[in-house]
N, C-alpha and C. Protein backbone atom coordinates (compact mmCIF):
# COMPACT_ATOMS: atom_id res chain seq x y z
N MET A 1 -20.06 9.08 -4.94
CA MET A 1 -18.82 8.76 -5.63
C MET A 1 -18.07 7.64 -4.92
N LYS A 2 -17.44 6.82 -5.68
CA LYS A 2 -16.65 5.73 -5.14
C LYS A 2 -15.20 6.20 -4.96
N ASN A 3 -14.56 5.71 -3.93
CA ASN A 3 -13.16 6.04 -3.67
C ASN A 3 -12.26 4.89 -4.11
N TYR A 4 -11.07 5.24 -4.55
CA TYR A 4 -10.05 4.26 -4.95
C TYR A 4 -8.77 4.62 -4.21
N TYR A 5 -8.01 3.61 -3.91
CA TYR A 5 -6.80 3.79 -3.09
C TYR A 5 -5.60 3.15 -3.77
N VAL A 6 -4.51 3.88 -3.80
CA VAL A 6 -3.21 3.33 -4.17
C VAL A 6 -2.48 3.18 -2.85
N TYR A 7 -1.92 2.01 -2.60
CA TYR A 7 -1.35 1.75 -1.28
C TYR A 7 -0.01 1.05 -1.40
N ILE A 8 0.78 1.20 -0.33
CA ILE A 8 2.06 0.51 -0.23
C ILE A 8 2.07 -0.27 1.07
N LEU A 9 2.39 -1.54 0.96
CA LEU A 9 2.60 -2.42 2.11
C LEU A 9 4.10 -2.70 2.22
N ALA A 10 4.56 -2.96 3.44
CA ALA A 10 5.97 -3.28 3.66
C ALA A 10 6.09 -4.49 4.58
N SER A 11 7.17 -5.22 4.41
CA SER A 11 7.44 -6.36 5.29
C SER A 11 7.98 -5.88 6.63
N GLN A 12 8.69 -4.76 6.61
CA GLN A 12 9.27 -4.13 7.79
C GLN A 12 9.82 -2.78 7.34
N ARG A 13 10.32 -2.00 8.26
CA ARG A 13 10.92 -0.72 7.89
C ARG A 13 12.05 -0.96 6.89
N ASN A 14 12.01 -0.26 5.78
CA ASN A 14 13.00 -0.40 4.70
C ASN A 14 13.05 -1.81 4.12
N GLY A 15 11.98 -2.59 4.32
CA GLY A 15 11.94 -3.96 3.83
C GLY A 15 11.36 -4.05 2.42
N THR A 16 10.85 -5.21 2.11
CA THR A 16 10.24 -5.46 0.81
C THR A 16 8.93 -4.69 0.71
N LEU A 17 8.69 -4.07 -0.45
CA LEU A 17 7.50 -3.25 -0.66
C LEU A 17 6.57 -3.89 -1.68
N TYR A 18 5.28 -3.60 -1.51
CA TYR A 18 4.25 -4.03 -2.46
C TYR A 18 3.35 -2.84 -2.72
N ILE A 19 3.06 -2.57 -3.99
CA ILE A 19 2.18 -1.47 -4.36
C ILE A 19 0.95 -2.04 -5.04
N GLY A 20 -0.23 -1.57 -4.61
CA GLY A 20 -1.47 -2.04 -5.20
C GLY A 20 -2.51 -0.95 -5.28
N VAL A 21 -3.66 -1.29 -5.87
CA VAL A 21 -4.78 -0.37 -5.98
C VAL A 21 -6.05 -1.15 -5.65
N THR A 22 -7.00 -0.47 -5.00
CA THR A 22 -8.24 -1.12 -4.58
C THR A 22 -9.34 -0.08 -4.37
N SER A 23 -10.57 -0.56 -4.34
CA SER A 23 -11.69 0.32 -4.00
C SER A 23 -12.13 0.11 -2.55
N ASP A 24 -11.58 -0.89 -1.89
CA ASP A 24 -11.91 -1.18 -0.49
C ASP A 24 -10.62 -1.46 0.26
N LEU A 25 -10.02 -0.40 0.78
CA LEU A 25 -8.69 -0.52 1.38
C LEU A 25 -8.69 -1.42 2.61
N ILE A 26 -9.68 -1.29 3.46
CA ILE A 26 -9.73 -2.12 4.67
C ILE A 26 -9.79 -3.60 4.31
N LYS A 27 -10.71 -3.95 3.43
CA LYS A 27 -10.86 -5.36 3.03
C LYS A 27 -9.59 -5.88 2.37
N ARG A 28 -9.00 -5.06 1.50
CA ARG A 28 -7.82 -5.52 0.76
C ARG A 28 -6.63 -5.73 1.70
N VAL A 29 -6.42 -4.84 2.65
CA VAL A 29 -5.32 -5.02 3.59
C VAL A 29 -5.57 -6.26 4.45
N GLN A 30 -6.81 -6.48 4.86
CA GLN A 30 -7.15 -7.68 5.63
C GLN A 30 -6.82 -8.94 4.83
N GLN A 31 -7.09 -8.91 3.53
CA GLN A 31 -6.77 -10.06 2.68
C GLN A 31 -5.26 -10.30 2.65
N HIS A 32 -4.49 -9.24 2.52
CA HIS A 32 -3.03 -9.39 2.53
C HIS A 32 -2.56 -9.93 3.87
N GLN A 33 -3.08 -9.38 4.96
CA GLN A 33 -2.64 -9.79 6.29
C GLN A 33 -3.03 -11.23 6.61
N SER A 34 -4.12 -11.69 6.03
CA SER A 34 -4.61 -13.05 6.29
C SER A 34 -3.98 -14.09 5.36
N ASN A 35 -3.16 -13.64 4.42
CA ASN A 35 -2.53 -14.55 3.46
C ASN A 35 -3.56 -15.40 2.73
N ILE A 36 -4.68 -14.78 2.35
CA ILE A 36 -5.77 -15.50 1.68
C ILE A 36 -5.30 -16.11 0.36
N ALA A 37 -4.55 -15.36 -0.40
CA ALA A 37 -4.11 -15.86 -1.70
C ALA A 37 -2.59 -16.06 -1.71
N ASP A 38 -2.18 -17.12 -2.37
CA ASP A 38 -0.75 -17.30 -2.57
C ASP A 38 -0.26 -16.18 -3.47
N GLY A 39 0.89 -15.68 -3.18
CA GLY A 39 1.44 -14.61 -4.02
C GLY A 39 2.57 -13.89 -3.33
N PHE A 40 2.91 -12.75 -3.89
CA PHE A 40 4.08 -11.98 -3.45
C PHE A 40 3.99 -11.58 -1.98
N THR A 41 2.85 -11.03 -1.55
CA THR A 41 2.77 -10.55 -0.17
C THR A 41 2.81 -11.69 0.83
N LYS A 42 2.25 -12.83 0.47
CA LYS A 42 2.31 -13.99 1.36
C LYS A 42 3.74 -14.55 1.41
N LYS A 43 4.36 -14.68 0.25
CA LYS A 43 5.71 -15.25 0.16
C LYS A 43 6.73 -14.43 0.97
N TYR A 44 6.59 -13.10 0.93
CA TYR A 44 7.58 -12.24 1.57
C TYR A 44 7.06 -11.59 2.86
N ASN A 45 5.93 -12.07 3.37
CA ASN A 45 5.38 -11.61 4.65
C ASN A 45 5.20 -10.08 4.67
N ILE A 46 4.53 -9.57 3.65
CA ILE A 46 4.33 -8.13 3.50
C ILE A 46 2.92 -7.81 3.97
N HIS A 47 2.80 -7.25 5.19
CA HIS A 47 1.49 -7.05 5.80
C HIS A 47 1.26 -5.67 6.41
N THR A 48 2.24 -4.80 6.40
CA THR A 48 2.13 -3.51 7.08
C THR A 48 1.78 -2.41 6.08
N LEU A 49 0.63 -1.76 6.29
CA LEU A 49 0.20 -0.65 5.44
C LEU A 49 0.98 0.59 5.86
N VAL A 50 1.88 1.05 5.00
CA VAL A 50 2.74 2.18 5.37
C VAL A 50 2.44 3.46 4.60
N TYR A 51 1.62 3.36 3.55
CA TYR A 51 1.30 4.54 2.75
C TYR A 51 0.05 4.26 1.94
N TYR A 52 -0.78 5.30 1.76
CA TYR A 52 -1.89 5.20 0.81
C TYR A 52 -2.32 6.57 0.35
N GLU A 53 -2.91 6.61 -0.81
CA GLU A 53 -3.48 7.81 -1.40
C GLU A 53 -4.91 7.47 -1.80
N GLN A 54 -5.78 8.47 -1.78
CA GLN A 54 -7.19 8.26 -2.12
C GLN A 54 -7.58 9.17 -3.29
N THR A 55 -8.40 8.66 -4.20
CA THR A 55 -8.92 9.44 -5.31
C THR A 55 -10.31 8.90 -5.67
N GLU A 56 -11.08 9.70 -6.37
CA GLU A 56 -12.39 9.26 -6.86
C GLU A 56 -12.32 8.81 -8.32
N ASP A 57 -11.14 8.86 -8.90
CA ASP A 57 -10.95 8.55 -10.32
C ASP A 57 -10.14 7.26 -10.47
N ILE A 58 -10.80 6.21 -10.95
CA ILE A 58 -10.12 4.92 -11.09
C ILE A 58 -8.96 5.01 -12.07
N SER A 59 -9.13 5.78 -13.13
CA SER A 59 -8.04 5.93 -14.11
C SER A 59 -6.82 6.58 -13.47
N ALA A 60 -7.05 7.58 -12.64
CA ALA A 60 -5.95 8.24 -11.94
C ALA A 60 -5.27 7.28 -10.96
N ALA A 61 -6.07 6.47 -10.27
CA ALA A 61 -5.50 5.50 -9.32
C ALA A 61 -4.63 4.47 -10.04
N LEU A 62 -5.13 3.96 -11.15
CA LEU A 62 -4.36 2.96 -11.91
C LEU A 62 -3.08 3.57 -12.49
N ALA A 63 -3.18 4.81 -12.97
CA ALA A 63 -2.00 5.48 -13.51
C ALA A 63 -0.97 5.74 -12.41
N ARG A 64 -1.44 6.14 -11.24
CA ARG A 64 -0.53 6.39 -10.11
C ARG A 64 0.15 5.11 -9.66
N GLU A 65 -0.61 4.01 -9.58
CA GLU A 65 -0.02 2.72 -9.22
C GLU A 65 1.08 2.34 -10.21
N LYS A 66 0.79 2.47 -11.47
CA LYS A 66 1.76 2.12 -12.51
C LYS A 66 3.01 3.00 -12.39
N ALA A 67 2.80 4.30 -12.15
CA ALA A 67 3.94 5.22 -12.02
C ALA A 67 4.79 4.87 -10.80
N LEU A 68 4.14 4.62 -9.65
CA LEU A 68 4.89 4.29 -8.43
C LEU A 68 5.70 3.01 -8.60
N LYS A 69 5.15 2.04 -9.31
CA LYS A 69 5.88 0.79 -9.53
C LYS A 69 7.14 1.00 -10.35
N LYS A 70 7.17 2.06 -11.15
CA LYS A 70 8.35 2.35 -11.98
C LYS A 70 9.39 3.18 -11.23
N TRP A 71 8.99 3.79 -10.11
CA TRP A 71 9.92 4.61 -9.33
C TRP A 71 11.07 3.74 -8.81
N ASN A 72 12.22 4.37 -8.60
CA ASN A 72 13.30 3.62 -7.97
C ASN A 72 13.01 3.51 -6.46
N ARG A 73 13.66 2.59 -5.84
CA ARG A 73 13.39 2.27 -4.43
C ARG A 73 13.57 3.48 -3.51
N ASP A 74 14.61 4.26 -3.74
CA ASP A 74 14.88 5.42 -2.89
C ASP A 74 13.72 6.41 -2.92
N TRP A 75 13.13 6.64 -4.09
CA TRP A 75 11.98 7.55 -4.19
C TRP A 75 10.79 7.02 -3.40
N LYS A 76 10.58 5.71 -3.48
CA LYS A 76 9.46 5.09 -2.75
C LYS A 76 9.66 5.24 -1.24
N LEU A 77 10.88 5.00 -0.78
CA LEU A 77 11.17 5.13 0.65
C LEU A 77 10.97 6.57 1.12
N LYS A 78 11.40 7.53 0.31
CA LYS A 78 11.21 8.94 0.67
C LYS A 78 9.73 9.32 0.70
N LEU A 79 8.94 8.77 -0.21
CA LEU A 79 7.49 9.02 -0.22
C LEU A 79 6.86 8.52 1.07
N ILE A 80 7.22 7.30 1.47
CA ILE A 80 6.68 6.73 2.71
C ILE A 80 7.11 7.58 3.91
N GLU A 81 8.39 7.88 3.99
CA GLU A 81 8.92 8.59 5.16
C GLU A 81 8.48 10.04 5.24
N ARG A 82 8.06 10.63 4.12
CA ARG A 82 7.53 12.00 4.15
C ARG A 82 6.27 12.06 5.01
N ASP A 83 5.38 11.09 4.83
CA ASP A 83 4.09 11.09 5.55
C ASP A 83 4.06 10.14 6.74
N ASN A 84 4.95 9.18 6.77
CA ASN A 84 4.95 8.16 7.82
C ASN A 84 6.39 7.85 8.24
N PRO A 85 7.06 8.81 8.88
CA PRO A 85 8.49 8.65 9.19
C PRO A 85 8.80 7.49 10.13
N ASN A 86 7.83 7.05 10.93
CA ASN A 86 8.07 5.93 11.85
C ASN A 86 7.59 4.60 11.30
N TRP A 87 7.15 4.58 10.08
CA TRP A 87 6.67 3.37 9.43
C TRP A 87 5.56 2.70 10.25
N LYS A 88 4.70 3.52 10.81
CA LYS A 88 3.55 3.04 11.59
C LYS A 88 2.61 2.26 10.68
N ASP A 89 1.98 1.22 11.20
CA ASP A 89 0.98 0.46 10.43
C ASP A 89 -0.30 1.30 10.39
N LEU A 90 -0.60 1.86 9.25
CA LEU A 90 -1.74 2.76 9.07
C LEU A 90 -3.08 2.02 9.06
N TYR A 91 -3.05 0.72 8.99
CA TYR A 91 -4.28 -0.07 8.98
C TYR A 91 -5.13 0.24 10.22
N PHE A 92 -4.47 0.37 11.35
CA PHE A 92 -5.21 0.60 12.61
C PHE A 92 -5.83 1.98 12.64
N ASP A 93 -5.32 2.92 11.87
CA ASP A 93 -5.92 4.25 11.76
C ASP A 93 -7.17 4.22 10.89
N ILE A 94 -7.14 3.44 9.81
CA ILE A 94 -8.28 3.45 8.89
C ILE A 94 -9.44 2.60 9.35
N ILE A 95 -9.23 1.67 10.28
CA ILE A 95 -10.36 0.84 10.73
C ILE A 95 -11.16 1.52 11.84
N GLN A 96 -10.68 2.62 12.36
CA GLN A 96 -11.39 3.31 13.45
C GLN A 96 -12.46 4.23 12.92
């Protein structure tokens, strides 16, 4: 089975947020951190992986991404802080 990830990147604690979905979380975060493509994450220096969820269902991942994007900012911050209260960069955990 293939895994899919819904993830949130931040520019800093309580900073600008970006929500995305991917099947290769390590590669995708590396792309964001390397500023490979011009876009939102490059423009606002959004490189810290602060939250992610994993599923084997692409439809569920896409639906979750869409739902999270509609959430108000306070809900998103509470979601991050529930699992990652120190806003640690989770990228270093997933590459090990």
